[in-house]
Amino acid sequence: MADHHITVAALPPTYAVYLEPQRMSSLRILFTAGSASSTELVYKWKDQVAYYNGYGPTENSVATSIWPVSEDERAGQLISIGRPMPNHRVYMVDIHGHLAPVGVAG
């Protein structure tokens, strides 16, 4: 990535965790999705690039919602799945399949 001056990358967190921000000076935007991100990964990248954490069930797509990590002062304290991407809807449900109230884990 450094040799080819890549500026934008979409990677699974399980791969991105092995990369070193200092070795990729041309990288400006990092989008991770496909598996759960970690606080370690958030801390590693949030101040180096515009970092976005994506979330989406496999049945839908790689990412249905997105969280702009670098723009959130709570980054590192939590890992959010963010808000729905354009033309998507996200519903949080409880263990019984009922809609969960805003702010309640589903």
C-alpha atoms as a PDB file:
ATOM      1  CA  MET A   1       0.000   0.000   0.000  1.00  0.00           C
ATOM      2  CA  ALA A   2       2.812   2.417   0.808  1.00  0.00           C
ATOM      3  CA  ASP A   3       4.721   1.572  -2.397  1.00  0.00           C
ATOM      4  CA  HIS A   4       1.663   2.355  -4.528  1.00  0.00           C
ATOM      5  CA  HIS A   5       0.631   5.452  -2.520  1.00  0.00           C
ATOM      6  CA  ILE A   6      -2.848   4.102  -1.716  1.00  0.00           C
ATOM      7  CA  THR A   7      -5.037   6.890  -0.273  1.00  0.00           C
ATOM      8  CA  VAL A   8      -8.301   5.027   0.481  1.00  0.00           C
ATOM      9  CA  ALA A   9      -8.652   1.458   1.746  1.00  0.00           C
ATOM     10  CA  ALA A  10     -11.621  -0.758   2.647  1.00  0.00           C
ATOM     11  CA  LEU A  11     -10.379  -3.664   4.741  1.00  0.00           C
ATOM     12  CA  PRO A  12     -11.626  -6.199   7.263  1.00  0.00           C
ATOM     13  CA  PRO A  13     -10.570  -5.253  10.807  1.00  0.00           C
ATOM     14  CA  THR A  14      -8.843  -8.624  11.152  1.00  0.00           C
ATOM     15  CA  TYR A  15      -6.407  -7.487   8.435  1.00  0.00           C
ATOM     16  CA  ALA A  16      -6.148  -3.786   9.304  1.00  0.00           C
ATOM     17  CA  VAL A  17      -4.972  -4.586  12.836  1.00  0.00           C
ATOM     18  CA  TYR A  18      -1.667  -5.837  11.395  1.00  0.00           C
ATOM     19  CA  LEU A  19      -0.925  -2.655   9.443  1.00  0.00           C
ATOM     20  CA  GLU A  20       1.147   0.214  10.818  1.00  0.00           C
ATOM     21  CA  PRO A  21      -0.196   3.757  10.249  1.00  0.00           C
ATOM     22  CA  GLN A  22       3.316   5.233  10.305  1.00  0.00           C
ATOM     23  CA  ARG A  23       4.284   3.124   7.289  1.00  0.00           C
ATOM     24  CA  MET A  24       1.363   4.414   5.188  1.00  0.00           C
ATOM     25  CA  SER A  25       1.816   8.146   4.957  1.00  0.00           C
ATOM     26  CA  SER A  26      -0.366   8.448   1.833  1.00  0.00           C
ATOM     27  CA  LEU A  27      -3.403   6.701   3.400  1.00  0.00           C
ATOM     28  CA  ARG A  28      -6.117   9.282   4.118  1.00  0.00           C
ATOM     29  CA  ILE A  29      -9.289   7.187   4.605  1.00  0.00           C
ATOM     30  CA  LEU A  30      -9.614   3.758   6.216  1.00  0.00           C
ATOM     31  CA  PHE A  31     -12.966   1.975   6.117  1.00  0.00           C
ATOM     32  CA  THR A  32     -13.248  -1.309   8.015  1.00  0.00           C
ATOM     33  CA  ALA A  33     -16.140  -3.749   7.802  1.00  0.00           C
ATOM     34  CA  GLY A  34     -16.812  -7.451   7.585  1.00  0.00           C
ATOM     35  CA  SER A  35     -16.133  -8.320  11.235  1.00  0.00           C
ATOM     36  CA  ALA A  36     -16.127  -6.572  14.598  1.00  0.00           C
ATOM     37  CA  SER A  37     -13.631  -3.786  15.127  1.00  0.00           C
ATOM     38  CA  SER A  38     -11.706  -3.474  18.395  1.00  0.00           C
ATOM     39  CA  THR A  39     -10.769  -0.589  20.664  1.00  0.00           C
ATOM     40  CA  GLU A  40      -7.133  -1.420  19.856  1.00  0.00           C
ATOM     41  CA  LEU A  41      -7.789  -0.831  16.158  1.00  0.00           C
ATOM     42  CA  VAL A  42      -9.756   2.363  16.814  1.00  0.00           C
ATOM     43  CA  TYR A  43      -6.963   3.850  18.946  1.00  0.00           C
ATOM     44  CA  LYS A  44      -4.343   2.822  16.412  1.00  0.00           C
ATOM     45  CA  TRP A  45      -5.964   4.596  13.450  1.00  0.00           C
ATOM     46  CA  LYS A  46      -8.407   7.289  14.630  1.00  0.00           C
ATOM     47  CA  ASP A  47      -5.853  10.104  14.813  1.00  0.00           C
ATOM     48  CA  GLN A  48      -3.901   9.028  11.713  1.00  0.00           C
ATOM     49  CA  VAL A  49      -6.645   8.890   9.040  1.00  0.00           C
ATOM     50  CA  ALA A  50     -10.346   9.493   8.567  1.00  0.00           C
ATOM     51  CA  TYR A  51     -11.429   6.158   9.999  1.00  0.00           C
ATOM     52  CA  TYR A  52     -14.904   4.678   9.446  1.00  0.00           C
ATOM     53  CA  ASN A  53     -16.248   1.524  11.070  1.00  0.00           C
ATOM     54  CA  GLY A  54     -18.871  -0.227   8.945  1.00  0.00           C
ATOM     55  CA  TYR A  55     -21.392  -2.832  10.035  1.00  0.00           C
ATOM     56  CA  GLY A  56     -23.719  -5.071   8.093  1.00  0.00           C
ATOM     57  CA  PRO A  57     -25.129  -8.563   8.280  1.00  0.00           C
ATOM     58  CA  THR A  58     -23.871 -10.845   5.528  1.00  0.00           C
ATOM     59  CA  GLU A  59     -27.417 -11.292   4.231  1.00  0.00           C
ATOM     60  CA  ASN A  60     -27.500  -7.606   3.311  1.00  0.00           C
ATOM     61  CA  SER A  61     -24.025  -6.392   2.394  1.00  0.00           C
ATOM     62  CA  VAL A  62     -20.598  -5.832   3.884  1.00  0.00           C
ATOM     63  CA  ALA A  63     -21.787  -2.548   5.402  1.00  0.00           C
ATOM     64  CA  THR A  64     -25.305  -1.313   6.118  1.00  0.00           C
ATOM     65  CA  SER A  65     -24.333   1.306   8.669  1.00  0.00           C
ATOM     66  CA  ILE A  66     -21.246   3.423   9.155  1.00  0.00           C
ATOM     67  CA  TRP A  67     -19.609   5.256  12.056  1.00  0.00           C
ATOM     68  CA  PRO A  68     -17.118   8.073  11.362  1.00  0.00           C
ATOM     69  CA  VAL A  69     -14.672   7.153  14.154  1.00  0.00           C
ATOM     70  CA  SER A  70     -12.356  10.108  13.603  1.00  0.00           C
ATOM     71  CA  GLU A  71     -15.236  12.565  14.068  1.00  0.00           C
ATOM     72  CA  ASP A  72     -16.496  11.130  17.388  1.00  0.00           C
ATOM     73  CA  GLU A  73     -14.929  12.238  20.666  1.00  0.00           C
ATOM     74  CA  ARG A  74     -16.161   8.986  22.272  1.00  0.00           C
ATOM     75  CA  ALA A  75     -13.936   6.901  19.960  1.00  0.00           C
ATOM     76  CA  GLY A  76     -12.120   4.300  22.005  1.00  0.00           C
ATOM     77  CA  GLN A  77     -14.710   4.363  24.773  1.00  0.00           C
ATOM     78  CA  LEU A  78     -17.163   2.522  22.574  1.00  0.00           C
ATOM     79  CA  ILE A  79     -17.345   1.023  19.135  1.00  0.00           C
ATOM     80  CA  SER A  80     -20.536   2.081  17.452  1.00  0.00           C
ATOM     81  CA  ILE A  81     -22.134   0.508  14.398  1.00  0.00           C
ATOM     82  CA  GLY A  82     -23.093   4.058  13.453  1.00  0.00           C
ATOM     83  CA  ARG A  83     -26.089   5.146  11.410  1.00  0.00           C
ATOM     84  CA  PRO A  84     -27.663   3.576   8.343  1.00  0.00           C
ATOM     85  CA  MET A  85     -26.038   4.328   5.015  1.00  0.00           C
ATOM     86  CA  PRO A  86     -28.214   6.038   2.385  1.00  0.00           C
ATOM     87  CA  ASN A  87     -31.094   3.844   1.179  1.00  0.00           C
ATOM     88  CA  HIS A  88     -30.716   1.442   4.141  1.00  0.00           C
ATOM     89  CA  ARG A  89     -32.698   0.944   7.316  1.00  0.00           C
ATOM     90  CA  VAL A  90     -31.472  -0.603  10.547  1.00  0.00           C
ATOM     91  CA  TYR A  91     -33.763  -2.037  13.202  1.00  0.00           C
ATOM     92  CA  MET A  92     -32.537  -3.069  16.645  1.00  0.00           C
ATOM     93  CA  VAL A  93     -34.600  -5.871  18.110  1.00  0.00           C
ATOM     94  CA  ASP A  94     -34.530  -7.677  21.439  1.00  0.00           C
ATOM     95  CA  ILE A  95     -34.166 -11.440  21.916  1.00  0.00           C
ATOM     96  CA  HIS A  96     -37.892 -11.813  21.175  1.00  0.00           C
ATOM     97  CA  GLY A  97     -37.699  -9.944  17.874  1.00  0.00           C
ATOM     98  CA  HIS A  98     -39.449  -6.825  19.214  1.00  0.00           C
ATOM     99  CA  LEU A  99     -38.115  -3.360  18.409  1.00  0.00           C
ATOM    100  CA  ALA A 100     -35.696  -2.157  21.081  1.00  0.00           C
ATOM    101  CA  PRO A 101     -35.905   1.443  22.348  1.00  0.00           C
ATOM    102  CA  VAL A 102     -33.231   3.915  21.208  1.00  0.00           C
ATOM    103  CA  GLY A 103     -30.021   3.404  23.186  1.00  0.00           C
ATOM    104  CA  VAL A 104     -30.834  -0.158  24.220  1.00  0.00           C
ATOM    105  CA  ALA A 105     -28.581  -2.962  22.955  1.00  0.00           C
ATOM    106  CA  GLY A 106     -30.255  -5.320  20.536  1.00  0.00           C
END
